[in-house]
Amino acid sequence: MTTSLFIHTFNQNKYSAYMIITTKIKYAINALVYLAENHGTVISAREISEKLNIPKEFISKILQSLVSEGFVCSKKGKNGGFVILANLSDITVKSIYVALGYTQIEKVCWLGLQGNCIDKICDLCTLWEKMSIEFEVSIKRVNLQILAESKFVNN
């Protein structure tokens, strides 16, 4: 299992993970691909957890967020679980980010300077702005169909 990388926002004492593929995003993508591979079959959170080596409580929360967005449907009961609803090509990486609560790119100073240096001339912050724009364009373009066909998913 890969560890997530985060960029610390020193002035707000919280973590921003938008420009990084976090463990949460990776798990969501892998779970969606797994559900897609099992067309129409109801798959329990326990099975997804075991097959993908994801803590059950964590994947359950992720799946509920995906249910709220209409990507998957949940079935209750003894044979309950989750089924993918949306077409894979309609689910972009951006929509997965949004479904999981990552709604905007954080603008932070990588140097941890007092205050935010985004509005000042700073080569590092200028680079961050360019990377943010390119990242945003990329995650709007890449969809689950592309990722499902990739050999890197579920690794």
N, C-alpha and C. Protein backbone atom coordinates (compact mmCIF):
# COMPACT_ATOMS: atom_id res chain seq x y z
N MET A 1 0.85 -1.17 0.00
CA MET A 1 0.00 0.00 0.00
C MET A 1 0.90 1.23 0.00
N THR A 2 0.57 2.18 -0.87
CA THR A 2 1.37 3.40 -0.94
C THR A 2 0.88 4.42 0.08
N THR A 3 1.81 5.17 0.58
CA THR A 3 1.44 6.22 1.52
C THR A 3 1.13 7.47 0.73
N SER A 4 0.16 8.22 1.20
CA SER A 4 -0.19 9.47 0.53
C SER A 4 0.85 10.53 0.83
N LEU A 5 1.03 11.42 -0.10
CA LEU A 5 1.89 12.58 0.11
C LEU A 5 0.98 13.79 0.26
N PHE A 6 1.29 14.65 1.20
CA PHE A 6 0.47 15.83 1.41
C PHE A 6 1.34 17.06 1.42
N ILE A 7 0.77 18.17 1.04
CA ILE A 7 1.46 19.45 1.12
C ILE A 7 0.84 20.19 2.30
N HIS A 8 1.66 20.57 3.24
CA HIS A 8 1.16 21.18 4.47
C HIS A 8 0.90 22.67 4.26
N THR A 9 -0.25 23.13 4.66
CA THR A 9 -0.53 24.56 4.63
C THR A 9 -0.23 25.10 6.02
N PHE A 10 0.92 25.70 6.16
CA PHE A 10 1.40 26.14 7.46
C PHE A 10 0.50 27.18 8.10
N ASN A 11 -0.05 28.09 7.30
CA ASN A 11 -0.83 29.16 7.88
C ASN A 11 -2.21 28.71 8.35
N GLN A 12 -2.67 27.55 7.95
CA GLN A 12 -4.00 27.09 8.37
C GLN A 12 -3.91 25.81 9.19
N ASN A 13 -2.74 25.26 9.35
CA ASN A 13 -2.52 24.04 10.13
C ASN A 13 -3.46 22.91 9.72
N LYS A 14 -3.60 22.71 8.42
CA LYS A 14 -4.39 21.58 7.92
C LYS A 14 -3.66 21.04 6.70
N TYR A 15 -4.15 19.96 6.16
CA TYR A 15 -3.50 19.35 5.01
C TYR A 15 -4.32 19.54 3.75
N SER A 16 -3.63 19.78 2.66
CA SER A 16 -4.25 19.87 1.36
C SER A 16 -3.72 18.72 0.53
N ALA A 17 -4.60 18.06 -0.18
CA ALA A 17 -4.15 16.90 -0.94
C ALA A 17 -4.65 16.94 -2.37
N TYR A 18 -5.02 18.11 -2.86
CA TYR A 18 -5.66 18.17 -4.16
C TYR A 18 -4.72 17.82 -5.31
N MET A 19 -3.49 18.28 -5.29
CA MET A 19 -2.60 18.01 -6.41
C MET A 19 -1.86 16.70 -6.26
N ILE A 20 -2.22 15.94 -5.29
CA ILE A 20 -1.60 14.65 -5.07
C ILE A 20 -2.69 13.60 -5.17
N ILE A 21 -2.37 12.46 -5.76
CA ILE A 21 -3.32 11.35 -5.75
C ILE A 21 -3.21 10.72 -4.37
N THR A 22 -4.17 10.98 -3.53
CA THR A 22 -4.13 10.49 -2.15
C THR A 22 -4.54 9.02 -2.11
N THR A 23 -4.31 8.42 -0.98
CA THR A 23 -4.73 7.04 -0.77
C THR A 23 -6.25 6.95 -0.93
N LYS A 24 -6.96 7.93 -0.43
CA LYS A 24 -8.43 7.94 -0.52
C LYS A 24 -8.89 7.94 -1.98
N ILE A 25 -8.26 8.76 -2.81
CA ILE A 25 -8.61 8.81 -4.24
C ILE A 25 -8.24 7.49 -4.90
N LYS A 26 -7.07 6.99 -4.61
CA LYS A 26 -6.63 5.71 -5.18
C LYS A 26 -7.61 4.60 -4.82
N TYR A 27 -8.01 4.52 -3.56
CA TYR A 27 -8.96 3.50 -3.13
C TYR A 27 -10.29 3.65 -3.88
N ALA A 28 -10.76 4.87 -4.03
CA ALA A 28 -12.02 5.10 -4.74
C ALA A 28 -11.92 4.63 -6.18
N ILE A 29 -10.84 4.97 -6.85
CA ILE A 29 -10.64 4.56 -8.24
C ILE A 29 -10.58 3.04 -8.33
N ASN A 30 -9.80 2.42 -7.47
CA ASN A 30 -9.67 0.96 -7.49
C ASN A 30 -11.00 0.27 -7.20
N ALA A 31 -11.78 0.80 -6.26
CA ALA A 31 -13.08 0.21 -5.93
C ALA A 31 -14.04 0.35 -7.11
N LEU A 32 -14.05 1.50 -7.75
CA LEU A 32 -14.92 1.70 -8.91
C LEU A 32 -14.54 0.77 -10.06
N VAL A 33 -13.26 0.61 -10.30
CA VAL A 33 -12.80 -0.30 -11.35
C VAL A 33 -13.20 -1.74 -10.99
N TYR A 34 -13.03 -2.12 -9.74
CA TYR A 34 -13.40 -3.47 -9.29
C TYR A 34 -14.90 -3.71 -9.49
N LEU A 35 -15.72 -2.73 -9.13
CA LEU A 35 -17.16 -2.86 -9.34
C LEU A 35 -17.49 -2.97 -10.83
N ALA A 36 -16.79 -2.20 -11.65
CA ALA A 36 -17.02 -2.24 -13.09
C ALA A 36 -16.64 -3.60 -13.68
N GLU A 37 -15.58 -4.19 -13.16
CA GLU A 37 -15.15 -5.51 -13.65
C GLU A 37 -16.16 -6.60 -13.31
N ASN A 38 -17.01 -6.35 -12.33
CA ASN A 38 -18.03 -7.30 -11.89
C ASN A 38 -19.42 -6.81 -12.30
N HIS A 39 -19.54 -6.42 -13.56
CA HIS A 39 -20.77 -5.86 -14.15
C HIS A 39 -22.06 -6.29 -13.47
N GLY A 40 -22.74 -5.36 -12.86
CA GLY A 40 -24.07 -5.61 -12.32
C GLY A 40 -24.14 -6.51 -11.10
N THR A 41 -23.03 -7.07 -10.68
CA THR A 41 -23.02 -7.94 -9.50
C THR A 41 -22.92 -7.08 -8.25
N VAL A 42 -23.74 -7.41 -7.26
CA VAL A 42 -23.68 -6.69 -5.98
C VAL A 42 -22.45 -7.20 -5.22
N ILE A 43 -21.56 -6.28 -4.89
CA ILE A 43 -20.31 -6.63 -4.22
C ILE A 43 -20.31 -5.97 -2.83
N SER A 44 -20.06 -6.76 -1.81
CA SER A 44 -20.06 -6.22 -0.45
C SER A 44 -18.81 -5.38 -0.19
N ALA A 45 -18.94 -4.48 0.76
CA ALA A 45 -17.78 -3.68 1.18
C ALA A 45 -16.69 -4.59 1.72
N ARG A 46 -17.10 -5.66 2.39
CA ARG A 46 -16.12 -6.62 2.92
C ARG A 46 -15.31 -7.24 1.78
N GLU A 47 -15.98 -7.67 0.70
CA GLU A 47 -15.25 -8.27 -0.42
C GLU A 47 -14.30 -7.27 -1.06
N ILE A 48 -14.78 -6.05 -1.27
CA ILE A 48 -13.93 -5.01 -1.85
C ILE A 48 -12.72 -4.78 -0.95
N SER A 49 -12.98 -4.71 0.34
CA SER A 49 -11.92 -4.52 1.33
C SER A 49 -10.87 -5.62 1.24
N GLU A 50 -11.34 -6.86 1.19
CA GLU A 50 -10.42 -8.00 1.16
C GLU A 50 -9.67 -8.10 -0.16
N LYS A 51 -10.38 -7.95 -1.28
CA LYS A 51 -9.75 -8.10 -2.60
C LYS A 51 -8.74 -6.99 -2.88
N LEU A 52 -9.04 -5.78 -2.39
CA LEU A 52 -8.17 -4.65 -2.70
C LEU A 52 -7.26 -4.25 -1.54
N ASN A 53 -7.35 -5.01 -0.44
CA ASN A 53 -6.53 -4.74 0.74
C ASN A 53 -6.71 -3.31 1.25
N ILE A 54 -7.98 -2.97 1.48
CA ILE A 54 -8.36 -1.65 1.98
C ILE A 54 -9.12 -1.85 3.29
N PRO A 55 -8.83 -1.09 4.32
CA PRO A 55 -9.60 -1.22 5.56
C PRO A 55 -11.10 -1.06 5.29
N LYS A 56 -11.91 -1.97 5.82
CA LYS A 56 -13.34 -2.01 5.52
C LYS A 56 -14.05 -0.70 5.89
N GLU A 57 -13.74 -0.15 7.05
CA GLU A 57 -14.39 1.08 7.48
C GLU A 57 -14.09 2.23 6.52
N PHE A 58 -12.85 2.27 6.05
CA PHE A 58 -12.43 3.33 5.14
C PHE A 58 -13.12 3.20 3.79
N ILE A 59 -13.16 1.99 3.23
CA ILE A 59 -13.79 1.81 1.92
C ILE A 59 -15.29 2.02 2.02
N SER A 60 -15.89 1.66 3.16
CA SER A 60 -17.33 1.88 3.34
C SER A 60 -17.67 3.37 3.27
N LYS A 61 -16.87 4.20 3.92
CA LYS A 61 -17.10 5.65 3.88
C LYS A 61 -16.91 6.20 2.47
N ILE A 62 -15.88 5.72 1.80
CA ILE A 62 -15.62 6.16 0.43
C ILE A 62 -16.79 5.78 -0.46
N LEU A 63 -17.25 4.54 -0.35
CA LEU A 63 -18.36 4.06 -1.18
C LEU A 63 -19.64 4.86 -0.93
N GLN A 64 -19.88 5.24 0.32
CA GLN A 64 -21.07 6.05 0.61
C GLN A 64 -20.99 7.41 -0.08
N SER A 65 -19.80 7.98 -0.15
CA SER A 65 -19.63 9.24 -0.88
C SER A 65 -19.91 9.04 -2.36
N LEU A 66 -19.50 7.90 -2.90
CA LEU A 66 -19.73 7.60 -4.31
C LEU A 66 -21.20 7.32 -4.58
N VAL A 67 -21.91 6.77 -3.59
CA VAL A 67 -23.36 6.58 -3.70
C VAL A 67 -24.04 7.94 -3.79
N SER A 68 -23.62 8.87 -2.93
CA SER A 68 -24.21 10.21 -2.90
C SER A 68 -24.06 10.92 -4.24
N GLU A 69 -22.99 10.64 -4.96
CA GLU A 69 -22.75 11.26 -6.26
C GLU A 69 -23.43 10.51 -7.40
N GLY A 70 -24.03 9.35 -7.11
CA GLY A 70 -24.71 8.59 -8.15
C GLY A 70 -23.80 7.70 -8.98
N PHE A 71 -22.56 7.53 -8.55
CA PHE A 71 -21.64 6.65 -9.27
C PHE A 71 -21.96 5.19 -9.01
N VAL A 72 -22.37 4.90 -7.79
CA VAL A 72 -22.72 3.53 -7.40
C VAL A 72 -24.03 3.56 -6.63
N CYS A 73 -24.64 2.39 -6.51
CA CYS A 73 -25.87 2.24 -5.75
C CYS A 73 -25.60 1.22 -4.66
N SER A 74 -26.20 1.43 -3.50
CA SER A 74 -26.00 0.47 -2.42
C SER A 74 -27.28 -0.32 -2.21
N LYS A 75 -27.11 -1.60 -1.95
CA LYS A 75 -28.22 -2.51 -1.66
C LYS A 75 -28.04 -2.97 -0.22
N LYS A 76 -29.11 -2.88 0.53
CA LYS A 76 -29.05 -3.28 1.94
C LYS A 76 -29.46 -4.73 2.09
N GLY A 77 -29.17 -5.29 3.24
CA GLY A 77 -29.60 -6.64 3.55
C GLY A 77 -28.47 -7.64 3.55
N LYS A 78 -28.86 -8.91 3.75
CA LYS A 78 -27.87 -9.99 3.87
C LYS A 78 -26.97 -10.09 2.64
N ASN A 79 -27.55 -9.96 1.47
CA ASN A 79 -26.77 -10.03 0.24
C ASN A 79 -26.50 -8.64 -0.32
N GLY A 80 -26.41 -7.66 0.57
CA GLY A 80 -26.23 -6.28 0.16
C GLY A 80 -24.81 -5.98 -0.28
N GLY A 81 -24.66 -4.80 -0.79
CA GLY A 81 -23.35 -4.36 -1.26
C GLY A 81 -23.50 -3.18 -2.20
N PHE A 82 -22.62 -3.11 -3.16
CA PHE A 82 -22.57 -1.97 -4.06
C PHE A 82 -22.50 -2.43 -5.52
N VAL A 83 -23.13 -1.63 -6.39
CA VAL A 83 -23.12 -1.89 -7.83
C VAL A 83 -22.80 -0.57 -8.51
N ILE A 84 -21.97 -0.61 -9.53
CA ILE A 84 -21.66 0.62 -10.26
C ILE A 84 -22.86 0.98 -11.13
N LEU A 85 -23.20 2.26 -11.15
CA LEU A 85 -24.33 2.74 -11.94
C LEU A 85 -23.88 3.51 -13.17
N ALA A 86 -22.92 4.38 -12.98
CA ALA A 86 -22.50 5.28 -14.04
C ALA A 86 -21.62 4.58 -15.06
N ASN A 87 -21.64 5.11 -16.27
CA ASN A 87 -20.76 4.66 -17.33
C ASN A 87 -19.34 5.09 -16.96
N LEU A 88 -18.38 4.21 -17.12
CA LEU A 88 -16.99 4.51 -16.73
C LEU A 88 -16.44 5.76 -17.41
N SER A 89 -16.82 5.97 -18.66
CA SER A 89 -16.29 7.13 -19.37
C SER A 89 -16.90 8.44 -18.87
N ASP A 90 -17.99 8.34 -18.09
CA ASP A 90 -18.62 9.55 -17.54
C ASP A 90 -18.04 9.95 -16.18
N ILE A 91 -17.25 9.07 -15.58
CA ILE A 91 -16.68 9.37 -14.26
C ILE A 91 -15.25 9.85 -14.45
N THR A 92 -15.05 11.14 -14.31
CA THR A 92 -13.70 11.69 -14.44
C THR A 92 -13.00 11.65 -13.08
N VAL A 93 -11.69 11.75 -13.13
CA VAL A 93 -10.93 11.82 -11.88
C VAL A 93 -11.35 13.07 -11.11
N LYS A 94 -11.62 14.15 -11.82
CA LYS A 94 -12.10 15.38 -11.17
C LYS A 94 -13.39 15.11 -10.41
N SER A 95 -14.33 14.37 -11.01
CA SER A 95 -15.60 14.10 -10.33
C SER A 95 -15.39 13.22 -9.10
N ILE A 96 -14.40 12.36 -9.12
CA ILE A 96 -14.07 11.54 -7.95
C ILE A 96 -13.51 12.43 -6.84
N TYR A 97 -12.61 13.35 -7.21
CA TYR A 97 -12.09 14.30 -6.23
C TYR A 97 -13.23 15.06 -5.56
N VAL A 98 -14.14 15.59 -6.38
CA VAL A 98 -15.25 16.37 -5.85
C VAL A 98 -16.14 15.51 -4.95
N ALA A 99 -16.43 14.28 -5.39
CA ALA A 99 -17.27 13.37 -4.59
C ALA A 99 -16.66 13.11 -3.22
N LEU A 100 -15.35 13.14 -3.14
CA LEU A 100 -14.67 12.85 -1.88
C LEU A 100 -14.30 14.11 -1.10
N GLY A 101 -14.80 15.25 -1.57
CA GLY A 101 -14.64 16.48 -0.80
C GLY A 101 -13.48 17.38 -1.17
N TYR A 102 -12.73 17.03 -2.20
CA TYR A 102 -11.63 17.88 -2.65
C TYR A 102 -12.17 18.80 -3.73
N THR A 103 -12.60 19.99 -3.34
CA THR A 103 -13.31 20.84 -4.28
C THR A 103 -12.47 21.94 -4.92
N GLN A 104 -11.34 22.24 -4.36
CA GLN A 104 -10.51 23.29 -4.96
C GLN A 104 -9.04 23.03 -4.70
N ILE A 105 -8.24 23.62 -5.54
CA ILE A 105 -6.80 23.50 -5.37
C ILE A 105 -6.36 24.51 -4.31
N GLU A 106 -5.69 24.01 -3.30
CA GLU A 106 -5.18 24.90 -2.25
C GLU A 106 -4.01 25.70 -2.81
N LYS A 107 -3.99 26.96 -2.50
CA LYS A 107 -2.87 27.81 -2.88
C LYS A 107 -2.05 28.06 -1.63
N VAL A 108 -0.91 27.41 -1.57
CA VAL A 108 -0.09 27.48 -0.36
C VAL A 108 1.35 27.82 -0.72
N CYS A 109 2.04 28.31 0.27
CA CYS A 109 3.47 28.57 0.10
C CYS A 109 4.24 27.32 0.48
N TRP A 110 4.97 26.77 -0.46
CA TRP A 110 5.75 25.56 -0.20
C TRP A 110 6.89 25.82 0.78
N LEU A 111 7.26 27.07 0.91
CA LEU A 111 8.38 27.40 1.79
C LEU A 111 7.92 27.63 3.23
N GLY A 112 6.60 27.65 3.45
CA GLY A 112 6.07 27.83 4.79
C GLY A 112 6.28 29.22 5.35
N LEU A 113 6.34 30.20 4.47
CA LEU A 113 6.55 31.57 4.92
C LEU A 113 5.33 32.08 5.67
N GLN A 114 5.56 33.04 6.56
CA GLN A 114 4.44 33.65 7.27
C GLN A 114 3.52 34.28 6.23
N GLY A 115 2.27 34.02 6.33
CA GLY A 115 1.34 34.53 5.34
C GLY A 115 1.49 33.74 4.06
N ASN A 116 0.64 33.99 3.14
CA ASN A 116 0.65 33.25 1.88
C ASN A 116 1.36 34.08 0.83
N CYS A 117 2.36 33.52 0.17
CA CYS A 117 3.14 34.30 -0.80
C CYS A 117 2.58 34.17 -2.22
N ILE A 118 1.40 33.59 -2.38
CA ILE A 118 0.84 33.39 -3.71
C ILE A 118 0.72 34.70 -4.48
N ASP A 119 0.33 35.77 -3.80
CA ASP A 119 0.12 37.04 -4.48
C ASP A 119 1.41 37.82 -4.73
N LYS A 120 2.51 37.34 -4.20
CA LYS A 120 3.80 38.00 -4.39
C LYS A 120 4.55 37.30 -5.53
N ILE A 121 5.56 37.94 -6.03
CA ILE A 121 6.36 37.31 -7.07
C ILE A 121 7.30 36.31 -6.41
N CYS A 122 7.10 35.07 -6.75
CA CYS A 122 7.89 33.99 -6.16
C CYS A 122 7.95 32.88 -7.21
N ASP A 123 9.14 32.50 -7.60
CA ASP A 123 9.27 31.48 -8.64
C ASP A 123 8.58 30.18 -8.28
N LEU A 124 8.68 29.78 -7.03
CA LEU A 124 8.07 28.53 -6.60
C LEU A 124 6.55 28.61 -6.68
N CYS A 125 5.98 29.73 -6.25
CA CYS A 125 4.53 29.89 -6.30
C CYS A 125 4.03 30.01 -7.74
N THR A 126 4.82 30.63 -8.60
CA THR A 126 4.47 30.70 -10.01
C THR A 126 4.45 29.30 -10.62
N LEU A 127 5.43 28.49 -10.28
CA LEU A 127 5.46 27.10 -10.73
C LEU A 127 4.24 26.35 -10.21
N TRP A 128 3.91 26.54 -8.93
CA TRP A 128 2.74 25.90 -8.33
C TRP A 128 1.47 26.25 -9.11
N GLU A 129 1.31 27.52 -9.46
CA GLU A 129 0.14 27.96 -10.22
C GLU A 129 0.05 27.23 -11.56
N LYS A 130 1.17 27.14 -12.27
CA LYS A 130 1.19 26.45 -13.57
C LYS A 130 0.85 24.97 -13.40
N MET A 131 1.44 24.34 -12.39
CA MET A 131 1.17 22.92 -12.14
C MET A 131 -0.30 22.71 -11.77
N SER A 132 -0.86 23.62 -11.00
CA SER A 132 -2.25 23.52 -10.59
C SER A 132 -3.18 23.55 -11.80
N ILE A 133 -2.90 24.45 -12.72
CA ILE A 133 -3.72 24.56 -13.93
C ILE A 133 -3.61 23.29 -14.77
N GLU A 134 -2.39 22.81 -14.98
CA GLU A 134 -2.19 21.59 -15.76
C GLU A 134 -2.85 20.38 -15.09
N PHE A 135 -2.74 20.31 -13.78
CA PHE A 135 -3.35 19.20 -13.04
C PHE A 135 -4.86 19.23 -13.20
N GLU A 136 -5.46 20.40 -13.05
CA GLU A 136 -6.91 20.56 -13.18
C GLU A 136 -7.39 20.12 -14.56
N VAL A 137 -6.68 20.52 -15.60
CA VAL A 137 -7.03 20.12 -16.97
C VAL A 137 -6.94 18.60 -17.11
N SER A 138 -5.88 18.02 -16.58
CA SER A 138 -5.67 16.58 -16.70
C SER A 138 -6.75 15.77 -16.01
N ILE A 139 -7.11 16.14 -14.78
CA ILE A 139 -8.09 15.33 -14.05
C ILE A 139 -9.50 15.49 -14.61
N LYS A 140 -9.73 16.55 -15.37
CA LYS A 140 -11.02 16.68 -16.05
C LYS A 140 -11.07 15.79 -17.28
N ARG A 141 -9.92 15.52 -17.87
CA ARG A 141 -9.82 14.72 -19.09
C ARG A 141 -9.79 13.22 -18.83
N VAL A 142 -9.12 12.81 -17.78
CA VAL A 142 -8.93 11.39 -17.51
C VAL A 142 -10.18 10.84 -16.84
N ASN A 143 -10.72 9.76 -17.44
CA ASN A 143 -11.91 9.15 -16.86
C ASN A 143 -11.62 7.73 -16.39
N LEU A 144 -12.60 7.13 -15.76
CA LEU A 144 -12.42 5.80 -15.18
C LEU A 144 -12.19 4.74 -16.25
N GLN A 145 -12.75 4.94 -17.44
CA GLN A 145 -12.53 3.99 -18.53
C GLN A 145 -11.04 3.93 -18.87
N ILE A 146 -10.42 5.07 -18.96
CA ILE A 146 -8.98 5.13 -19.25
C ILE A 146 -8.19 4.45 -18.14
N LEU A 147 -8.56 4.74 -16.90
CA LEU A 147 -7.85 4.14 -15.77
C LEU A 147 -8.09 2.64 -15.67
N ALA A 148 -9.30 2.19 -16.00
CA ALA A 148 -9.62 0.76 -15.95
C ALA A 148 -8.79 -0.03 -16.95
N GLU A 149 -8.47 0.60 -18.06
CA GLU A 149 -7.67 -0.06 -19.09
C GLU A 149 -6.17 0.02 -18.79
N SER A 150 -5.81 0.79 -17.79
CA SER A 150 -4.41 0.96 -17.43
C SER A 150 -3.93 -0.20 -16.59
N LYS A 151 -2.70 -0.61 -16.80
CA LYS A 151 -2.13 -1.69 -16.01
C LYS A 151 -1.74 -1.23 -14.61
N PHE A 152 -1.83 0.08 -14.35
CA PHE A 152 -1.40 0.60 -13.07
C PHE A 152 -2.49 0.56 -12.00
N VAL A 153 -3.74 0.45 -12.41
CA VAL A 153 -4.84 0.42 -11.44
C VAL A 153 -4.81 -0.91 -10.70
N ASN A 154 -5.12 -0.87 -9.43
CA ASN A 154 -5.14 -2.04 -8.54
C ASN A 154 -3.76 -2.61 -8.26
N ASN A 155 -2.72 -1.84 -8.47
CA ASN A 155 -1.37 -2.29 -8.14
C ASN A 155 -0.90 -1.66 -6.86
